[in-house]
C-alpha atoms as a PDB file:
ATOM      1  CA  MET A   1     105.225 119.632  71.020  1.00  0.00           C
ATOM      2  CA  GLN A   2     102.226 118.232  69.470  1.00  0.00           C
ATOM      3  CA  ILE A   3      99.085 119.871  71.300  1.00  0.00           C
ATOM      4  CA  GLU A   4      96.067 118.027  72.098  1.00  0.00           C
ATOM      5  CA  VAL A   5      93.327 120.471  74.469  1.00  0.00           C
ATOM      6  CA  PHE A   6      89.671 117.723  75.504  1.00  0.00           C
ATOM      7  CA  THR A   7      87.160 119.197  77.173  1.00  0.00           C
ATOM      8  CA  GLN A   8      86.878 122.447  79.327  1.00  0.00           C
ATOM      9  CA  SER A   9      90.687 123.433  80.120  1.00  0.00           C
ATOM     10  CA  SER A  10      92.222 119.998  79.853  1.00  0.00           C
ATOM     11  CA  ILE A  11      95.362 119.642  77.399  1.00  0.00           C
ATOM     12  CA  LYS A  12      98.254 117.645  76.437  1.00  0.00           C
ATOM     13  CA  LEU A  13     101.631 117.962  74.955  1.00  0.00           C
ATOM     14  CA  SER A  14     104.294 115.409  73.492  1.00  0.00           C
ATOM     15  CA  GLY A  15     106.713 114.756  72.280  1.00  0.00           C
ATOM     16  CA  ASN A  16     110.297 113.801  74.084  1.00  0.00           C
ATOM     17  CA  LYS A  17     108.045 114.050  76.897  1.00  0.00           C
ATOM     18  CA  ILE A  18     104.586 113.708  77.486  1.00  0.00           C
ATOM     19  CA  ILE A  19     102.195 116.107  79.877  1.00  0.00           C
ATOM     20  CA  TYR A  20      99.711 116.332  81.000  1.00  0.00           C
ATOM     21  CA  PHE A  21      97.383 119.498  81.809  1.00  0.00           C
ATOM     22  CA  ASP A  22      93.659 119.966  84.221  1.00  0.00           C
ATOM     23  CA  PRO A  23      93.179 116.363  82.540  1.00  0.00           C
ATOM     24  CA  PHE A  24      88.585 115.866  82.542  1.00  0.00           C
ATOM     25  CA  LYS A  25      86.562 113.536  80.708  1.00  0.00           C
ATOM     26  CA  ILE A  26      89.802 111.391  79.723  1.00  0.00           C
ATOM     27  CA  ASN A  27      87.357 109.032  77.175  1.00  0.00           C
ATOM     28  CA  LYS A  28      90.129 106.058  77.586  1.00  0.00           C
ATOM     29  CA  ASN A  29      93.343 104.429  79.301  1.00  0.00           C
ATOM     30  CA  TYR A  30      96.608 106.624  78.081  1.00  0.00           C
ATOM     31  CA  ASN A  31      98.483 106.200  80.538  1.00  0.00           C
ATOM     32  CA  ASP A  32     101.762 107.691  79.291  1.00  0.00           C
ATOM     33  CA  ALA A  33     101.467 110.393  81.298  1.00  0.00           C
ATOM     34  CA  ASP A  34     105.087 111.626  82.784  1.00  0.00           C
ATOM     35  CA  TYR A  35     103.749 114.791  84.542  1.00  0.00           C
ATOM     36  CA  ILE A  36     100.402 116.059  85.283  1.00  0.00           C
ATOM     37  CA  PHE A  37      99.897 120.028  85.667  1.00  0.00           C
ATOM     38  CA  ILE A  38      96.740 120.490  88.095  1.00  0.00           C
ATOM     39  CA  THR A  39      95.565 124.346  88.082  1.00  0.00           C
ATOM     40  CA  HIS A  40      92.854 124.320  90.913  1.00  0.00           C
ATOM     41  CA  ASN A  41      90.858 122.166  92.477  1.00  0.00           C
ATOM     42  CA  HIS A  42      87.768 122.731  90.565  1.00  0.00           C
ATOM     43  CA  TYR A  43      86.038 119.317  89.322  1.00  0.00           C
ATOM     44  CA  ASP A  44      86.336 120.178  85.799  1.00  0.00           C
ATOM     45  CA  HIS A  45      90.231 120.616  86.278  1.00  0.00           C
ATOM     46  CA  TYR A  46      90.933 118.082  89.014  1.00  0.00           C
ATOM     47  CA  ASP A  47      89.374 114.322  87.837  1.00  0.00           C
ATOM     48  CA  GLU A  48      90.809 112.022  89.851  1.00  0.00           C
ATOM     49  CA  ALA A  49      88.846 109.746  87.343  1.00  0.00           C
ATOM     50  CA  SER A  50      90.895 111.496  84.367  1.00  0.00           C
ATOM     51  CA  ILE A  51      94.506 111.686  86.682  1.00  0.00           C
ATOM     52  CA  LYS A  52      93.978 107.667  86.204  1.00  0.00           C
ATOM     53  CA  LYS A  53      93.550 107.082  83.661  1.00  0.00           C
ATOM     54  CA  VAL A  54      96.394 109.370  82.146  1.00  0.00           C
ATOM     55  CA  MET A  55      99.231 108.671  84.934  1.00  0.00           C
ATOM     56  CA  LYS A  56     101.526 105.635  84.509  1.00  0.00           C
ATOM     57  CA  ASN A  57     104.358 104.105  87.189  1.00  0.00           C
ATOM     58  CA  ASP A  58     106.552 107.110  87.438  1.00  0.00           C
ATOM     59  CA  THR A  59     103.900 109.981  86.665  1.00  0.00           C
ATOM     60  CA  LYS A  60     105.157 112.934  88.895  1.00  0.00           C
ATOM     61  CA  ILE A  61     102.226 115.515  89.614  1.00  0.00           C
ATOM     62  CA  ILE A  62     102.391 118.774  90.459  1.00  0.00           C
ATOM     63  CA  ALA A  63      98.984 120.807  91.636  1.00  0.00           C
ATOM     64  CA  PRO A  64      98.583 123.477  94.898  1.00  0.00           C
ATOM     65  CA  ARG A  65      98.707 123.615  97.702  1.00  0.00           C
ATOM     66  CA  VAL A  66      94.417 123.158  98.648  1.00  0.00           C
ATOM     67  CA  LEU A  67      95.264 120.087  96.534  1.00  0.00           C
ATOM     68  CA  SER A  68      97.698 118.622  98.736  1.00  0.00           C
ATOM     69  CA  GLU A  69      95.884 115.578 100.653  1.00  0.00           C
ATOM     70  CA  ASP A  70      93.876 114.494  97.768  1.00  0.00           C
ATOM     71  CA  ILE A  71      97.208 114.475  95.280  1.00  0.00           C
ATOM     72  CA  GLN A  72      99.499 111.924  98.513  1.00  0.00           C
ATOM     73  CA  LYS A  73      96.232 109.799  97.855  1.00  0.00           C
ATOM     74  CA  ILE A  74      97.024 109.647  94.695  1.00  0.00           C
ATOM     75  CA  THR A  75     100.985 108.918  94.660  1.00  0.00           C
ATOM     76  CA  GLN A  76     103.975 109.596  96.674  1.00  0.00           C
ATOM     77  CA  ASN A  77     105.591 111.371  93.440  1.00  0.00           C
ATOM     78  CA  ASN A  78     104.945 114.736  93.107  1.00  0.00           C
ATOM     79  CA  ILE A  79     105.293 118.765  93.419  1.00  0.00           C
ATOM     80  CA  ILE A  80     103.478 121.019  95.366  1.00  0.00           C
ATOM     81  CA  VAL A  81     103.615 124.126  94.099  1.00  0.00           C
ATOM     82  CA  GLU A  82     102.107 128.364  94.867  1.00  0.00           C
ATOM     83  CA  PRO A  83     102.211 131.138  93.365  1.00  0.00           C
ATOM     84  CA  ASN A  84     105.175 133.508  91.964  1.00  0.00           C
ATOM     85  CA  GLN A  85     107.261 130.789  91.881  1.00  0.00           C
ATOM     86  CA  THR A  86     109.912 129.357  90.071  1.00  0.00           C
ATOM     87  CA  TYR A  87     110.362 124.993  89.850  1.00  0.00           C
ATOM     88  CA  TYR A  88     112.832 122.948  88.997  1.00  0.00           C
ATOM     89  CA  LEU A  89     112.587 119.658  86.970  1.00  0.00           C
ATOM     90  CA  GLU A  90     114.652 116.915  84.690  1.00  0.00           C
ATOM     91  CA  ASP A  91     113.201 117.572  82.150  1.00  0.00           C
ATOM     92  CA  PHE A  92     112.495 120.958  82.474  1.00  0.00           C
ATOM     93  CA  THR A  93     111.463 124.670  84.453  1.00  0.00           C
ATOM     94  CA  PHE A  94     108.312 125.891  84.841  1.00  0.00           C
ATOM     95  CA  LYS A  95     106.626 129.086  87.197  1.00  0.00           C
ATOM     96  CA  THR A  96     103.745 129.408  88.669  1.00  0.00           C
ATOM     97  CA  THR A  97     101.113 132.306  88.311  1.00  0.00           C
ATOM     98  CA  PRO A  98      98.656 133.867  89.747  1.00  0.00           C
ATOM     99  CA  ALA A  99      95.100 133.069  88.996  1.00  0.00           C
ATOM    100  CA  TYR A 100      92.394 134.048  90.583  1.00  0.00           C
ATOM    101  CA  ASN A 101      88.835 136.164  90.440  1.00  0.00           C
ATOM    102  CA  LEU A 102      89.146 140.442  90.147  1.00  0.00           C
ATOM    103  CA  ASP A 103      85.078 140.886  91.020  1.00  0.00           C
ATOM    104  CA  LYS A 104      83.032 137.803  91.851  1.00  0.00           C
ATOM    105  CA  ALA A 105      84.408 134.618  94.763  1.00  0.00           C
ATOM    106  CA  PHE A 106      84.616 131.638  92.256  1.00  0.00           C
ATOM    107  CA  HIS A 107      88.777 131.728  92.494  1.00  0.00           C
ATOM    108  CA  PRO A 108      89.606 133.855  95.247  1.00  0.00           C
ATOM    109  CA  LYS A 109      93.055 135.036  95.500  1.00  0.00           C
ATOM    110  CA  SER A 110      93.519 133.698  98.792  1.00  0.00           C
ATOM    111  CA  ALA A 111      93.112 130.101  97.643  1.00  0.00           C
ATOM    112  CA  ASN A 112      96.385 129.950  95.917  1.00  0.00           C
ATOM    113  CA  TYR A 113      95.344 128.928  92.410  1.00  0.00           C
ATOM    114  CA  VAL A 114      97.999 128.613  89.712  1.00  0.00           C
ATOM    115  CA  GLY A 115      98.604 129.592  86.253  1.00  0.00           C
ATOM    116  CA  TYR A 116     101.631 127.387  84.422  1.00  0.00           C
ATOM    117  CA  LEU A 117     104.449 129.064  82.623  1.00  0.00           C
ATOM    118  CA  ILE A 118     106.312 125.861  80.964  1.00  0.00           C
ATOM    119  CA  THR A 119     109.577 125.568  78.457  1.00  0.00           C
ATOM    120  CA  ILE A 120     110.379 122.752  75.769  1.00  0.00           C
ATOM    121  CA  SER A 121     112.988 123.118  73.026  1.00  0.00           C
ATOM    122  CA  ASN A 122     113.028 127.270  73.520  1.00  0.00           C
ATOM    123  CA  THR A 123     109.320 127.244  72.953  1.00  0.00           C
ATOM    124  CA  THR A 124     107.247 128.705  76.207  1.00  0.00           C
ATOM    125  CA  TYR A 125     103.723 127.586  76.723  1.00  0.00           C
ATOM    126  CA  TYR A 126     101.622 129.589  79.522  1.00  0.00           C
ATOM    127  CA  ILE A 127      98.648 127.190  80.586  1.00  0.00           C
ATOM    128  CA  MET A 128      96.602 130.741  82.172  1.00  0.00           C
ATOM    129  CA  GLY A 129      93.955 128.149  84.422  1.00  0.00           C
ATOM    130  CA  ASP A 130      91.423 129.642  84.962  1.00  0.00           C
ATOM    131  CA  THR A 131      91.652 133.220  86.375  1.00  0.00           C
ATOM    132  CA  ASP A 132      90.753 137.198  84.939  1.00  0.00           C
ATOM    133  CA  ALA A 133      92.946 139.609  83.782  1.00  0.00           C
ATOM    134  CA  LEU A 134      95.751 140.258  86.056  1.00  0.00           C
ATOM    135  CA  GLU A 135      98.139 142.891  86.941  1.00  0.00           C
ATOM    136  CA  GLU A 136     100.512 140.134  87.795  1.00  0.00           C
ATOM    137  CA  ASN A 137     100.406 138.385  84.565  1.00  0.00           C
ATOM    138  CA  LYS A 138     100.439 141.693  81.858  1.00  0.00           C
ATOM    139  CA  ASN A 139     104.142 140.835  81.172  1.00  0.00           C
ATOM    140  CA  ILE A 140     103.949 137.426  80.632  1.00  0.00           C
ATOM    141  CA  ILE A 141     106.538 136.291  77.802  1.00  0.00           C
ATOM    142  CA  THR A 142     105.386 133.371  75.816  1.00  0.00           C
ATOM    143  CA  ASP A 143     105.097 131.812  72.551  1.00  0.00           C
ATOM    144  CA  ILE A 144     101.658 130.392  72.699  1.00  0.00           C
ATOM    145  CA  CYS A 145      98.824 130.507  75.066  1.00  0.00           C
ATOM    146  CA  PHE A 146      95.962 128.426  76.439  1.00  0.00           C
ATOM    147  CA  VAL A 147      93.205 130.847  77.539  1.00  0.00           C
ATOM    148  CA  PRO A 148      89.980 130.655  79.426  1.00  0.00           C
ATOM    149  CA  ILE A 149      86.984 132.635  77.600  1.00  0.00           C
ATOM    150  CA  GLY A 150      83.629 131.235  78.705  1.00  0.00           C
ATOM    151  CA  GLY A 151      83.426 133.452  80.826  1.00  0.00           C
ATOM    152  CA  LYS A 152      80.969 133.814  84.556  1.00  0.00           C
ATOM    153  CA  TYR A 153      84.214 131.494  86.022  1.00  0.00           C
ATOM    154  CA  THR A 154      86.797 133.034  84.358  1.00  0.00           C
ATOM    155  CA  MET A 155      87.730 136.875  81.874  1.00  0.00           C
ATOM    156  CA  ASP A 156      85.199 136.549  79.399  1.00  0.00           C
ATOM    157  CA  VAL A 157      86.259 136.085  74.955  1.00  0.00           C
ATOM    158  CA  LYS A 158      86.465 140.284  75.479  1.00  0.00           C
ATOM    159  CA  GLU A 159      88.877 140.427  78.502  1.00  0.00           C
ATOM    160  CA  ALA A 160      90.468 137.092  76.756  1.00  0.00           C
ATOM    161  CA  THR A 161      91.187 138.631  73.658  1.00  0.00           C
ATOM    162  CA  GLU A 162      92.468 142.385  74.943  1.00  0.00           C
ATOM    163  CA  TYR A 163      94.607 140.245  77.257  1.00  0.00           C
ATOM    164  CA  ILE A 164      96.018 138.300  74.327  1.00  0.00           C
ATOM    165  CA  ASN A 165      96.758 141.317  71.967  1.00  0.00           C
ATOM    166  CA  HIS A 166      98.581 142.752  74.890  1.00  0.00           C
ATOM    167  CA  ILE A 167     100.439 140.449  75.662  1.00  0.00           C
ATOM    168  CA  LYS A 168     101.268 138.977  71.695  1.00  0.00           C
ATOM    169  CA  PRO A 169     101.830 135.848  72.456  1.00  0.00           C
ATOM    170  CA  LYS A 170     102.584 133.448  68.747  1.00  0.00           C
ATOM    171  CA  ILE A 171      99.322 131.700  69.369  1.00  0.00           C
ATOM    172  CA  ALA A 172      96.751 132.060  70.889  1.00  0.00           C
ATOM    173  CA  ILE A 173      94.806 128.637  72.192  1.00  0.00           C
ATOM    174  CA  PRO A 174      90.891 129.662  73.643  1.00  0.00           C
ATOM    175  CA  ILE A 175      90.066 127.056  76.482  1.00  0.00           C
ATOM    176  CA  HIS A 176      87.022 126.758  79.148  1.00  0.00           C
ATOM    177  CA  TYR A 177      84.922 126.973  76.999  1.00  0.00           C
ATOM    178  CA  GLY A 178      81.333 124.702  74.365  1.00  0.00           C
ATOM    179  CA  SER A 179      80.952 122.751  77.753  1.00  0.00           C
ATOM    180  CA  ILE A 180      80.638 123.295  80.820  1.00  0.00           C
ATOM    181  CA  VAL A 181      79.708 127.184  80.471  1.00  0.00           C
ATOM    182  CA  GLY A 182      80.251 129.217  77.528  1.00  0.00           C
ATOM    183  CA  ASP A 183      79.249 128.624  73.948  1.00  0.00           C
ATOM    184  CA  ILE A 184      80.134 126.970  70.818  1.00  0.00           C
ATOM    185  CA  SER A 185      81.237 130.135  69.148  1.00  0.00           C
ATOM    186  CA  LEU A 186      82.959 132.129  70.917  1.00  0.00           C
ATOM    187  CA  LYS A 187      85.588 130.801  69.473  1.00  0.00           C
ATOM    188  CA  ASP A 188      84.615 132.534  66.276  1.00  0.00           C
ATOM    189  CA  GLU A 189      84.181 135.717  68.592  1.00  0.00           C
ATOM    190  CA  PHE A 190      87.894 135.083  69.755  1.00  0.00           C
ATOM    191  CA  LYS A 191      88.851 134.209  66.546  1.00  0.00           C
ATOM    192  CA  LYS A 192      87.501 137.152  64.704  1.00  0.00           C
ATOM    193  CA  LEU A 193      88.749 140.244  67.419  1.00  0.00           C
ATOM    194  CA  VAL A 194      92.433 139.056  68.261  1.00  0.00           C
ATOM    195  CA  ASN A 195      95.243 140.978  66.308  1.00  0.00           C
ATOM    196  CA  LYS A 196      95.207 139.569  62.825  1.00  0.00           C
ATOM    197  CA  GLU A 197      99.478 139.281  63.958  1.00  0.00           C
ATOM    198  CA  ILE A 198      98.503 136.473  66.093  1.00  0.00           C
ATOM    199  CA  LYS A 199      97.663 133.206  64.922  1.00  0.00           C
ATOM    200  CA  VAL A 200      94.554 131.673  66.538  1.00  0.00           C
ATOM    201  CA  ASP A 201      94.227 127.890  66.964  1.00  0.00           C
ATOM    202  CA  ILE A 202      90.889 126.347  66.853  1.00  0.00           C
ATOM    203  CA  TYR A 203      90.966 122.673  69.506  1.00  0.00           C
ATOM    204  CA  ILE A 204      87.623 122.634  71.280  1.00  0.00           C
ATOM    205  CA  GLU A 205      84.812 122.411  67.189  1.00  0.00           C
ATOM    206  CA  GLU A 206      82.356 120.825  69.106  1.00  0.00           C
ATOM    207  CA  GLU A 207      80.178 121.607  72.048  1.00  0.00           C
ATOM    208  CA  GLU A 208      80.364 118.345  74.967  1.00  0.00           C
ATOM    209  CA  LYS A 209      77.535 116.757  75.662  1.00  0.00           C
END
């Protein structure tokens, strides 16, 4: 799968199927999504204008229950999910993980926000969502991990690198920095702190204006 990361936590995986996660500030009409996954309802993750720029007539949208009514207005082709579940699609299977804050109120556990574990062509991708390093997610096994590093609303760069060094993916991709919160230079600190046997791929290179 080809990987692209746009602003914040907006991710695109391209292969036999086109999959987006939390499309945000999409600046052109792609209208090519087979699947759109949403982690939660904050404006930088649930951006209806961007969703409409990437979806097509048969796009399936996957989102947590907090977004059920909003998604129904966009399409009936949807799956409403909750944490710690496994779901089966025609093209692949995915699991949901909990995503919440431990000591701040931005992402409460009770909201049932999610991250996603998706396995395609023998490669597992973990899109963490807005979360701290949780005990429930300490034993995640994944090839590629998209990890938030910006701090304030999520884990900070130190917490993110400790988490990555613990789960040991093949590739770590930092997200959720360089725009709303988290200086663009955090990517360099993250890369420096991650264990050398873990490859770090940087996609967010310049600060978004």
